[in-house]
Amino acid sequence: MTRGYRTFFIVWVGQVVSIVGSGLTWFGISIWVFLETGSVTQLAVILLASQLPRILLSPIAGTYVDRWDRRWAMILADAGAGASTLVMIALYLTGNLSLPALAAIGAVAGAFQAFQFPAYQAATSLLVPKERYSRASGMIQLAEAIGNLVAPALGGIMIAVGGLGLLVAIDMTTFLFAVTTLLIVRFPKPPVTEAGAASKGSVWHETAYGFKHIWERKGLFGLLIYFATINLAFGALSPLITAYLLSITTAATMGALFSLGATGMIVGSIVASTWRGVERKVLAILIFGAVLGGSVGAVGLTTSLPLIVLAIWVAMFTVPLAGAFSQAIWMAKTEPDIQGRVFAVRTTVASAAVPISLLAVGPLADRVFVPLMSGTSPLGLWLQGIFGSGEASAYGMLFVAVGAFVVVSSLVAWLVASVRHLERDIPDAVGLPTEAKVGDGSVPEVAPA
């Protein structure tokens, strides 16, 4: 194993532990907020507060990631999130934790996390040869999958044993572990490329260059819009899945269901991290996207827990594969010294639709679909004849709508020529490490364009 691989693996282990800790906290928070308020809207507001600062600040954060040592950018992100968690512990232990305080803490943590993704991904592109970007991206997806598997299983038990305070305390410990792994490694510096030199200027100029770079590559821009469309649909699912499952089962059972479903993401991530990839990554992404939409729609068609687990499993299996292929494309098509801002802009655009979903899903669920599926209006009675009546049926209808939207979006994306021929029409970036020389601390071998 080369030095670059060792560094990537050490950092990966630290991020796995950190993701599990964060997952425990936010699983506990979701349950606590919904049980305290009984409102999808309130839960959506808390989730929105944690995501909006990250979305808005990402482009500027990405510019600083390209200027700074990317290792220190990741340390800053983890330290800031850890400090936010420490404040949450203090408020909870003193009985002062409230919904406004929780929203404020989530917002601060989200602001620091704006540095995390672009720094992590940009560093990975220099530690791993471009021939193995799909595998490395699969490992990063595997870290998310481990968090999705472990956090709900442990969270459902721990919140019953020690309450939210225990989960938050564990989260704080995992942040310290992640920071320690970053302190003991070093990242290679990215080589200066023509694109990087041309982008130099003020913070605002360099930030705008990230947008310009993507806009000029229509295939990448189209792929980005596709994922933004998917996020518009799936942004609604975070609070909705909690409300749906709590309407038909208990919090502990919900945690077990999440964990069983998350094994699909584990398997998909393992496949992505060991599979060398496919020649037509865009086609694979869109196929997996369509399967994902169909599986999500299937969740809403039944209240049978085994069938729900099966549908979640299939959906979760497709996520890391589509994500790994997409990330491999972006890493291969973007020069390493501008990846921070390009990946940050990508995060902002792809995630910009999530606040819209979070703002809309609460009122839609609480004020439209639940009354409709519990009332006696002609439309409501007709829909109840198809989906059943009550809260669970209302939430299920929303799952069906989201799934259908994703399937249609995947088909439409394939009809766009610039997206379909992206890999052929956009050459690989220069300045990326190859199999011959990988992240040994010197300037990587420049791959031919």
Protein backbone atom coordinates (compact mmCIF):
# COMPACT_ATOMS: atom_id res chain seq x y z
CA MET A 1 0.00 0.00 0.00
CA THR A 2 1.47 3.37 -1.02
CA ARG A 3 1.73 6.33 1.33
CA GLY A 4 -1.20 7.98 -0.43
CA TYR A 5 -3.42 4.94 0.11
CA ARG A 6 -2.37 4.71 3.76
CA THR A 7 -3.23 8.36 4.30
CA PHE A 8 -6.58 7.97 2.56
CA PHE A 9 -7.39 4.89 4.67
CA ILE A 10 -6.46 6.58 7.97
CA VAL A 11 -8.61 9.60 7.16
CA TRP A 12 -11.41 7.31 6.00
CA VAL A 13 -11.43 5.43 9.31
CA GLY A 14 -11.67 8.71 11.23
CA GLN A 15 -14.56 9.87 9.07
CA VAL A 16 -16.38 6.55 9.52
CA VAL A 17 -16.28 6.96 13.29
CA SER A 18 -17.34 10.61 13.05
CA ILE A 19 -20.25 9.77 10.73
CA VAL A 20 -21.53 7.14 13.16
CA GLY A 21 -21.41 9.65 16.01
CA SER A 22 -23.21 12.33 14.02
CA GLY A 23 -25.77 9.78 12.87
CA LEU A 24 -26.51 8.84 16.48
CA THR A 25 -27.13 12.46 17.39
CA TRP A 26 -29.38 13.32 14.48
CA PHE A 27 -31.32 10.07 14.79
CA GLY A 28 -31.97 10.95 18.42
CA ILE A 29 -32.84 14.55 17.56
CA SER A 30 -35.34 13.45 14.89
CA ILE A 31 -37.15 11.20 17.36
CA TRP A 32 -36.99 13.78 20.17
CA VAL A 33 -38.39 16.59 18.02
CA PHE A 34 -41.19 14.52 16.49
CA LEU A 35 -42.26 13.01 19.82
CA GLU A 36 -42.13 16.45 21.47
CA THR A 37 -44.14 18.22 18.77
CA GLY A 38 -45.90 15.54 16.71
CA SER A 39 -45.25 17.78 13.70
CA VAL A 40 -43.48 16.99 10.43
CA THR A 41 -43.14 20.75 9.91
CA GLN A 42 -41.18 21.28 13.14
CA LEU A 43 -38.86 18.38 12.32
CA ALA A 44 -38.33 19.72 8.79
CA VAL A 45 -37.44 23.17 10.18
CA ILE A 46 -34.73 21.68 12.42
CA LEU A 47 -33.25 19.73 9.51
CA LEU A 48 -33.44 22.81 7.30
CA ALA A 49 -31.59 24.92 9.86
CA SER A 50 -28.67 22.48 9.78
CA GLN A 51 -28.50 22.30 5.99
CA LEU A 52 -29.15 25.83 4.78
CA PRO A 53 -25.88 27.41 6.06
CA ARG A 54 -23.85 24.59 4.52
CA ILE A 55 -25.56 25.09 1.17
CA LEU A 56 -25.18 28.87 1.15
CA LEU A 57 -21.57 28.99 2.38
CA SER A 58 -20.18 26.09 0.33
CA PRO A 59 -18.98 28.13 -2.71
CA ILE A 60 -16.91 30.50 -0.56
CA ALA A 61 -15.73 27.61 1.63
CA GLY A 62 -14.57 25.77 -1.48
CA THR A 63 -12.47 28.74 -2.53
CA TYR A 64 -10.67 28.71 0.81
CA VAL A 65 -10.24 24.94 0.56
CA ASP A 66 -8.24 25.52 -2.66
CA ARG A 67 -6.16 28.20 -0.90
CA TRP A 68 -5.53 26.31 2.35
CA ASP A 69 -4.04 22.98 3.25
CA ARG A 70 -7.04 20.70 2.74
CA ARG A 71 -6.21 18.72 5.85
CA TRP A 72 -6.63 21.84 8.00
CA ALA A 73 -9.90 22.63 6.26
CA MET A 74 -11.19 19.21 7.35
CA ILE A 75 -9.86 19.75 10.89
CA LEU A 76 -11.69 23.09 11.02
CA ALA A 77 -14.93 21.43 9.89
CA ASP A 78 -14.69 18.64 12.46
CA ALA A 79 -13.64 20.94 15.29
CA GLY A 80 -16.48 23.38 14.62
CA ALA A 81 -19.07 20.60 14.51
CA GLY A 82 -17.60 19.14 17.70
CA ALA A 83 -17.85 22.48 19.50
CA SER A 84 -21.50 22.73 18.45
CA THR A 85 -22.11 19.27 19.88
CA LEU A 86 -20.48 20.34 23.17
CA VAL A 87 -22.93 23.24 23.45
CA MET A 88 -25.80 20.84 22.82
CA ILE A 89 -24.61 18.60 25.67
CA ALA A 90 -24.48 21.56 28.05
CA LEU A 91 -27.98 22.74 27.14
CA TYR A 92 -29.44 19.27 27.43
CA LEU A 93 -27.87 18.54 30.83
CA THR A 94 -29.10 21.87 32.23
CA GLY A 95 -32.62 21.37 30.86
CA ASN A 96 -32.34 24.33 28.48
CA LEU A 97 -32.40 22.51 25.15
CA SER A 98 -35.24 23.92 23.04
CA LEU A 99 -36.26 23.85 19.40
CA PRO A 100 -34.83 27.36 18.68
CA ALA A 101 -31.56 26.43 20.40
CA LEU A 102 -31.41 23.17 18.48
CA ALA A 103 -31.95 25.03 15.21
CA ALA A 104 -29.19 27.52 16.04
CA ILE A 105 -26.73 24.75 16.96
CA GLY A 106 -27.54 22.89 13.75
CA ALA A 107 -26.96 26.07 11.74
CA VAL A 108 -23.51 26.64 13.25
CA ALA A 109 -22.51 23.00 12.70
CA GLY A 110 -23.76 23.21 9.12
CA ALA A 111 -21.65 26.30 8.47
CA PHE A 112 -18.48 24.46 9.52
CA GLN A 113 -19.46 21.38 7.53
CA ALA A 114 -19.44 23.53 4.35
CA PHE A 115 -15.66 22.97 4.35
CA GLN A 116 -15.84 19.20 4.86
CA PHE A 117 -17.05 17.75 1.56
CA PRO A 118 -14.94 19.80 -0.90
CA ALA A 119 -11.79 19.34 1.19
CA TYR A 120 -12.29 15.59 1.62
CA GLN A 121 -13.07 14.94 -2.04
CA ALA A 122 -10.32 17.22 -3.37
CA ALA A 123 -7.77 15.53 -1.11
CA THR A 124 -8.91 12.09 -2.23
CA SER A 125 -8.24 12.92 -5.88
CA LEU A 126 -4.53 13.41 -5.03
CA LEU A 127 -4.20 10.39 -2.73
CA VAL A 128 -5.75 7.87 -5.12
CA PRO A 129 -4.93 7.29 -8.83
CA LYS A 130 -7.67 8.37 -11.21
CA GLU A 131 -8.09 4.79 -12.45
CA ARG A 132 -9.47 3.95 -9.01
CA TYR A 133 -11.66 6.97 -8.34
CA SER A 134 -14.81 4.84 -8.49
CA ARG A 135 -13.42 2.52 -5.82
CA ALA A 136 -12.32 5.36 -3.56
CA SER A 137 -15.70 7.03 -3.96
CA GLY A 138 -17.28 3.69 -3.13
CA MET A 139 -15.32 3.60 0.13
CA ILE A 140 -16.54 7.08 0.99
CA GLN A 141 -20.08 5.89 0.28
CA LEU A 142 -19.33 2.85 2.47
CA ALA A 143 -18.54 5.19 5.35
CA GLU A 144 -21.99 6.75 4.97
CA ALA A 145 -23.53 3.28 4.77
CA ILE A 146 -21.84 2.17 7.99
CA GLY A 147 -23.25 5.26 9.69
CA ASN A 148 -26.72 4.52 8.35
CA LEU A 149 -26.47 0.95 9.61
CA VAL A 150 -24.95 1.47 13.04
CA ALA A 151 -26.49 4.78 14.11
CA PRO A 152 -30.19 3.80 13.97
CA ALA A 153 -29.59 0.40 15.58
CA LEU A 154 -27.61 1.86 18.47
CA GLY A 155 -29.62 5.08 18.58
CA GLY A 156 -32.96 3.37 19.08
CA ILE A 157 -31.54 1.48 22.07
CA MET A 158 -29.42 4.27 23.55
CA ILE A 159 -32.12 6.90 23.46
CA ALA A 160 -34.29 4.52 25.50
CA VAL A 161 -31.46 3.83 27.97
CA GLY A 162 -29.70 7.17 28.35
CA GLY A 163 -31.77 9.68 26.40
CA LEU A 164 -30.52 12.24 23.93
CA GLY A 165 -27.65 13.25 26.23
CA LEU A 166 -25.92 9.88 25.87
CA LEU A 167 -26.05 10.06 22.07
CA VAL A 168 -24.63 13.57 22.00
CA ALA A 169 -21.81 12.62 24.39
CA ILE A 170 -20.80 9.74 22.12
CA ASP A 171 -20.91 12.10 19.14
CA MET A 172 -18.44 14.43 20.86
CA THR A 173 -16.02 11.54 21.41
CA THR A 174 -16.17 10.54 17.75
CA PHE A 175 -15.34 14.10 16.64
CA LEU A 176 -12.19 14.00 18.77
CA PHE A 177 -11.18 10.71 17.15
CA ALA A 178 -11.68 12.12 13.63
CA VAL A 179 -9.57 15.20 14.39
CA THR A 180 -6.80 12.99 15.82
CA THR A 181 -6.58 10.95 12.61
CA LEU A 182 -6.25 14.16 10.59
CA LEU A 183 -3.49 15.49 12.85
CA ILE A 184 -1.25 12.46 12.25
CA VAL A 185 -1.33 12.53 8.42
CA ARG A 186 -0.20 14.89 5.66
CA PHE A 187 -1.82 15.63 2.29
CA PRO A 188 0.15 16.30 -0.92
CA LYS A 189 -0.16 19.75 -2.44
CA PRO A 190 -2.07 19.95 -5.74
CA PRO A 191 0.01 20.88 -8.80
CA VAL A 192 -0.68 24.23 -10.43
CA THR A 193 -2.59 23.74 -13.68
CA GLU A 194 -3.52 26.15 -16.43
CA ALA A 195 -7.10 26.30 -15.18
CA GLY A 196 -5.92 26.96 -11.63
CA ALA A 197 -3.59 29.76 -12.70
CA ALA A 198 -6.32 31.40 -14.82
CA SER A 199 -8.72 31.39 -11.89
CA LYS A 200 -6.46 33.32 -9.49
CA GLY A 201 -7.82 36.56 -8.08
CA SER A 202 -10.02 37.78 -5.27
CA VAL A 203 -12.14 35.42 -3.20
CA TRP A 204 -15.22 36.44 -5.18
CA HIS A 205 -13.45 35.97 -8.51
CA GLU A 206 -12.24 32.49 -7.55
CA THR A 207 -15.67 31.56 -6.22
CA ALA A 208 -17.33 32.69 -9.45
CA TYR A 209 -14.80 30.63 -11.41
CA GLY A 210 -16.24 27.48 -9.85
CA PHE A 211 -19.64 28.31 -11.32
CA LYS A 212 -18.06 29.27 -14.67
CA HIS A 213 -16.12 26.02 -14.93
CA ILE A 214 -19.26 23.92 -14.53
CA TRP A 215 -21.44 26.11 -16.75
CA GLU A 216 -18.99 25.83 -19.66
CA ARG A 217 -19.10 22.04 -19.49
CA LYS A 218 -22.71 21.40 -20.44
CA GLY A 219 -22.57 17.69 -19.73
CA LEU A 220 -21.36 18.23 -16.16
CA PHE A 221 -23.93 21.00 -15.72
CA GLY A 222 -26.70 18.70 -16.95
CA LEU A 223 -25.59 15.90 -14.63
CA LEU A 224 -25.57 18.41 -11.77
CA ILE A 225 -29.13 19.54 -12.58
CA TYR A 226 -30.22 15.89 -12.62
CA PHE A 227 -28.91 15.36 -9.09
CA ALA A 228 -30.45 18.66 -8.00
CA THR A 229 -33.78 17.37 -9.30
CA ILE A 230 -33.32 14.11 -7.39
CA ASN A 231 -32.51 16.08 -4.24
CA LEU A 232 -35.65 18.16 -4.74
CA ALA A 233 -37.61 14.93 -4.43
CA PHE A 234 -35.56 13.22 -1.75
CA GLY A 235 -35.13 16.26 0.45
CA ALA A 236 -38.67 15.61 1.63
CA LEU A 237 -37.91 12.08 2.78
CA SER A 238 -35.77 12.84 5.87
CA PRO A 239 -38.68 14.05 8.03
CA LEU A 240 -41.26 12.03 6.11
CA ILE A 241 -39.70 8.61 6.74
CA THR A 242 -39.57 9.33 10.47
CA ALA A 243 -43.23 10.37 10.54
CA TYR A 244 -44.28 7.44 8.34
CA LEU A 245 -42.58 4.74 10.36
CA LEU A 246 -43.55 6.21 13.74
CA SER A 247 -47.17 6.17 12.55
CA ILE A 248 -47.02 2.38 12.10
CA THR A 249 -44.39 1.22 14.59
CA THR A 250 -42.20 2.23 17.58
CA ALA A 251 -38.96 4.22 17.69
CA ALA A 252 -36.92 1.13 18.58
CA THR A 253 -38.44 -0.84 15.71
CA MET A 254 -37.87 2.09 13.37
CA GLY A 255 -34.19 2.04 14.28
CA ALA A 256 -34.01 -1.66 13.51
CA LEU A 257 -35.77 -1.11 10.16
CA PHE A 258 -33.33 1.63 9.22
CA SER A 259 -30.41 -0.61 10.09
CA LEU A 260 -31.75 -3.56 8.11
CA GLY A 261 -32.40 -1.30 5.13
CA ALA A 262 -28.96 0.25 5.48
CA THR A 263 -27.34 -3.15 4.88
CA GLY A 264 -28.34 -2.52 1.26
CA MET A 265 -26.13 0.55 1.27
CA ILE A 266 -23.35 -1.50 2.87
CA VAL A 267 -23.55 -4.09 0.08
CA GLY A 268 -23.82 -1.42 -2.62
CA SER A 269 -20.83 0.44 -1.17
CA ILE A 270 -18.74 -2.73 -1.03
CA VAL A 271 -19.61 -3.43 -4.66
CA ALA A 272 -18.71 0.15 -5.62
CA SER A 273 -15.42 0.06 -3.68
CA THR A 274 -14.28 -3.24 -5.23
CA TRP A 275 -15.74 -2.91 -8.74
CA ARG A 276 -13.40 -1.18 -11.15
CA GLY A 277 -16.41 0.49 -12.71
CA VAL A 278 -18.17 0.58 -16.05
CA GLU A 279 -17.34 2.24 -19.35
CA ARG A 280 -20.61 4.20 -19.49
CA LYS A 281 -20.92 5.63 -16.02
CA VAL A 282 -23.67 8.11 -16.94
CA LEU A 283 -25.92 5.31 -18.19
CA ALA A 284 -25.29 3.36 -14.98
CA ILE A 285 -26.11 6.44 -12.86
CA LEU A 286 -29.46 6.96 -14.60
CA ILE A 287 -30.40 3.27 -14.42
CA PHE A 288 -29.65 3.20 -10.70
CA GLY A 289 -31.58 6.45 -10.32
CA ALA A 290 -34.67 4.94 -11.92
CA VAL A 291 -34.44 1.84 -9.70
CA LEU A 292 -34.04 4.12 -6.68
CA GLY A 293 -37.23 6.00 -7.58
CA GLY A 294 -39.19 2.80 -8.07
CA SER A 295 -38.04 1.45 -4.71
CA VAL A 296 -38.95 4.64 -2.85
CA GLY A 297 -42.40 4.58 -4.43
CA ALA A 298 -42.81 0.98 -3.29
CA VAL A 299 -42.22 2.01 0.35
CA GLY A 300 -45.41 4.05 0.26
CA LEU A 301 -47.55 1.28 -1.21
CA THR A 302 -47.51 -0.93 1.88
CA THR A 303 -47.50 -0.88 5.68
CA SER A 304 -45.97 -4.36 5.79
CA LEU A 305 -42.68 -3.94 7.64
CA PRO A 306 -40.87 -6.76 5.76
CA LEU A 307 -41.87 -5.25 2.40
CA ILE A 308 -40.84 -1.78 3.56
CA VAL A 309 -37.44 -3.12 4.60
CA LEU A 310 -37.02 -4.82 1.23
CA ALA A 311 -37.89 -1.63 -0.67
CA ILE A 312 -35.54 0.45 1.51
CA TRP A 313 -32.80 -2.16 1.01
CA VAL A 314 -33.04 -1.96 -2.80
CA ALA A 315 -33.14 1.85 -2.69
CA MET A 316 -30.12 2.02 -0.39
CA PHE A 317 -28.21 -0.46 -2.58
CA THR A 318 -28.43 1.87 -5.59
CA VAL A 319 -27.37 5.07 -3.77
CA PRO A 320 -23.63 4.35 -3.30
CA LEU A 321 -23.24 2.96 -6.81
CA ALA A 322 -24.79 6.02 -8.46
CA GLY A 323 -22.88 8.29 -6.10
CA ALA A 324 -19.53 6.60 -6.67
CA PHE A 325 -19.83 6.75 -10.46
CA SER A 326 -20.90 10.39 -10.32
CA GLN A 327 -18.04 11.35 -8.03
CA ALA A 328 -15.54 9.49 -10.21
CA ILE A 329 -16.71 11.54 -13.22
CA TRP A 330 -16.35 14.84 -11.36
CA MET A 331 -12.91 13.98 -9.99
CA ALA A 332 -11.62 12.90 -13.40
CA LYS A 333 -12.99 15.93 -15.26
CA THR A 334 -11.82 18.66 -12.82
CA GLU A 335 -8.24 19.94 -12.34
CA PRO A 336 -7.01 19.21 -8.79
CA ASP A 337 -6.16 22.82 -7.85
CA ILE A 338 -9.72 24.03 -8.55
CA GLN A 339 -11.60 21.03 -7.17
CA GLY A 340 -12.36 22.68 -3.83
CA ARG A 341 -14.48 25.45 -5.34
CA VAL A 342 -15.92 23.30 -8.14
CA PHE A 343 -17.03 20.59 -5.72
CA ALA A 344 -18.38 23.24 -3.34
CA VAL A 345 -20.44 24.84 -6.11
CA ARG A 346 -21.62 21.38 -7.04
CA THR A 347 -22.78 20.88 -3.46
CA THR A 348 -24.61 24.19 -3.42
CA VAL A 349 -26.45 23.66 -6.70
CA ALA A 350 -27.28 20.01 -6.04
CA SER A 351 -28.49 20.76 -2.52
CA ALA A 352 -30.26 24.05 -3.20
CA ALA A 353 -33.53 22.23 -3.81
CA VAL A 354 -33.43 20.51 -0.40
CA PRO A 355 -34.64 23.58 1.56
CA ILE A 356 -37.56 23.88 -0.85
CA SER A 357 -38.51 20.27 -0.12
CA LEU A 358 -38.10 20.68 3.63
CA LEU A 359 -40.23 23.84 3.62
CA ALA A 360 -42.93 22.22 1.50
CA VAL A 361 -43.19 18.71 2.94
CA GLY A 362 -44.36 19.76 6.41
CA PRO A 363 -47.36 21.85 5.30
CA LEU A 364 -48.16 19.31 2.55
CA ALA A 365 -48.19 16.45 5.04
CA ASP A 366 -49.78 18.19 8.04
CA ARG A 367 -52.31 20.42 6.28
CA VAL A 368 -53.09 18.73 2.98
CA PHE A 369 -52.44 15.00 2.78
CA VAL A 370 -53.26 13.95 6.35
CA PRO A 371 -56.63 15.81 6.37
CA LEU A 372 -57.34 14.54 2.84
CA MET A 373 -56.69 10.92 3.77
CA SER A 374 -58.67 11.23 7.00
CA GLY A 375 -61.63 13.26 5.70
CA THR A 376 -64.75 12.58 3.69
CA SER A 377 -64.22 14.72 0.58
CA PRO A 378 -64.90 12.98 -2.76
CA LEU A 379 -61.21 13.15 -3.74
CA GLY A 380 -60.15 11.94 -0.32
CA LEU A 381 -62.55 8.99 -0.36
CA TRP A 382 -61.36 8.01 -3.85
CA LEU A 383 -57.71 8.12 -2.79
CA GLN A 384 -58.50 6.26 0.42
CA GLY A 385 -59.95 3.50 -1.72
CA ILE A 386 -56.53 3.13 -3.36
CA PHE A 387 -54.08 3.86 -0.54
CA GLY A 388 -56.15 3.36 2.60
CA SER A 389 -57.06 6.01 5.17
CA GLY A 390 -55.23 7.72 8.03
CA GLU A 391 -51.84 9.30 8.63
CA ALA A 392 -49.80 6.36 7.36
CA SER A 393 -51.65 6.38 4.05
CA ALA A 394 -51.08 10.12 3.65
CA TYR A 395 -47.35 9.73 4.16
CA GLY A 396 -47.35 6.70 1.84
CA MET A 397 -48.91 8.76 -0.96
CA LEU A 398 -46.07 11.23 -0.70
CA PHE A 399 -43.55 8.41 -1.05
CA VAL A 400 -45.30 7.21 -4.22
CA ALA A 401 -45.25 10.74 -5.67
CA VAL A 402 -41.54 11.17 -4.91
CA GLY A 403 -40.66 7.80 -6.45
CA ALA A 404 -42.58 8.48 -9.66
CA PHE A 405 -40.93 11.89 -10.00
CA VAL A 406 -37.45 10.36 -9.75
CA VAL A 407 -38.17 7.67 -12.35
CA VAL A 408 -39.43 10.26 -14.85
CA SER A 409 -36.44 12.55 -14.14
CA SER A 410 -34.01 9.70 -14.89
CA LEU A 411 -35.67 9.01 -18.24
CA VAL A 412 -35.66 12.70 -19.19
CA ALA A 413 -31.95 13.06 -18.29
CA TRP A 414 -31.06 10.24 -20.70
CA LEU A 415 -32.74 12.14 -23.53
CA VAL A 416 -30.35 15.11 -23.06
CA ALA A 417 -27.45 14.52 -25.47
CA SER A 418 -24.86 16.55 -23.52
CA VAL A 419 -25.49 14.40 -20.45
CA ARG A 420 -25.66 11.13 -22.34
CA HIS A 421 -22.30 11.78 -24.10
CA LEU A 422 -20.57 13.52 -21.18
CA GLU A 423 -17.74 11.04 -20.81
CA ARG A 424 -16.94 11.17 -24.51
CA ASP A 425 -17.20 14.93 -25.04
CA ILE A 426 -15.34 16.25 -21.95
CA PRO A 427 -11.65 15.22 -21.72
CA ASP A 428 -10.07 14.16 -18.44
CA ALA A 429 -8.38 16.94 -16.47
CA VAL A 430 -4.61 17.33 -16.29
CA GLY A 431 -2.66 17.19 -13.05
CA LEU A 432 -4.30 14.03 -11.71
CA PRO A 433 -2.24 11.15 -10.25
CA THR A 434 -2.09 7.92 -12.22
CA GLU A 435 -1.35 4.34 -11.19
CA ALA A 436 2.34 5.04 -11.80
CA LYS A 437 2.69 7.60 -9.01
CA VAL A 438 0.21 8.11 -6.24
CA GLY A 439 0.24 10.68 -3.42
CA ASP A 440 3.80 10.17 -2.21
CA GLY A 441 4.10 13.78 -1.11
CA SER A 442 5.57 15.05 -4.37
CA VAL A 443 3.76 16.63 -7.32
CA PRO A 444 1.64 13.90 -8.96
CA GLU A 445 2.45 12.73 -12.44
CA VAL A 446 0.39 14.73 -14.91
CA ALA A 447 -2.03 12.54 -16.81
CA PRO A 448 -2.50 13.35 -20.51
CA ALA A 449 -5.59 15.36 -21.34
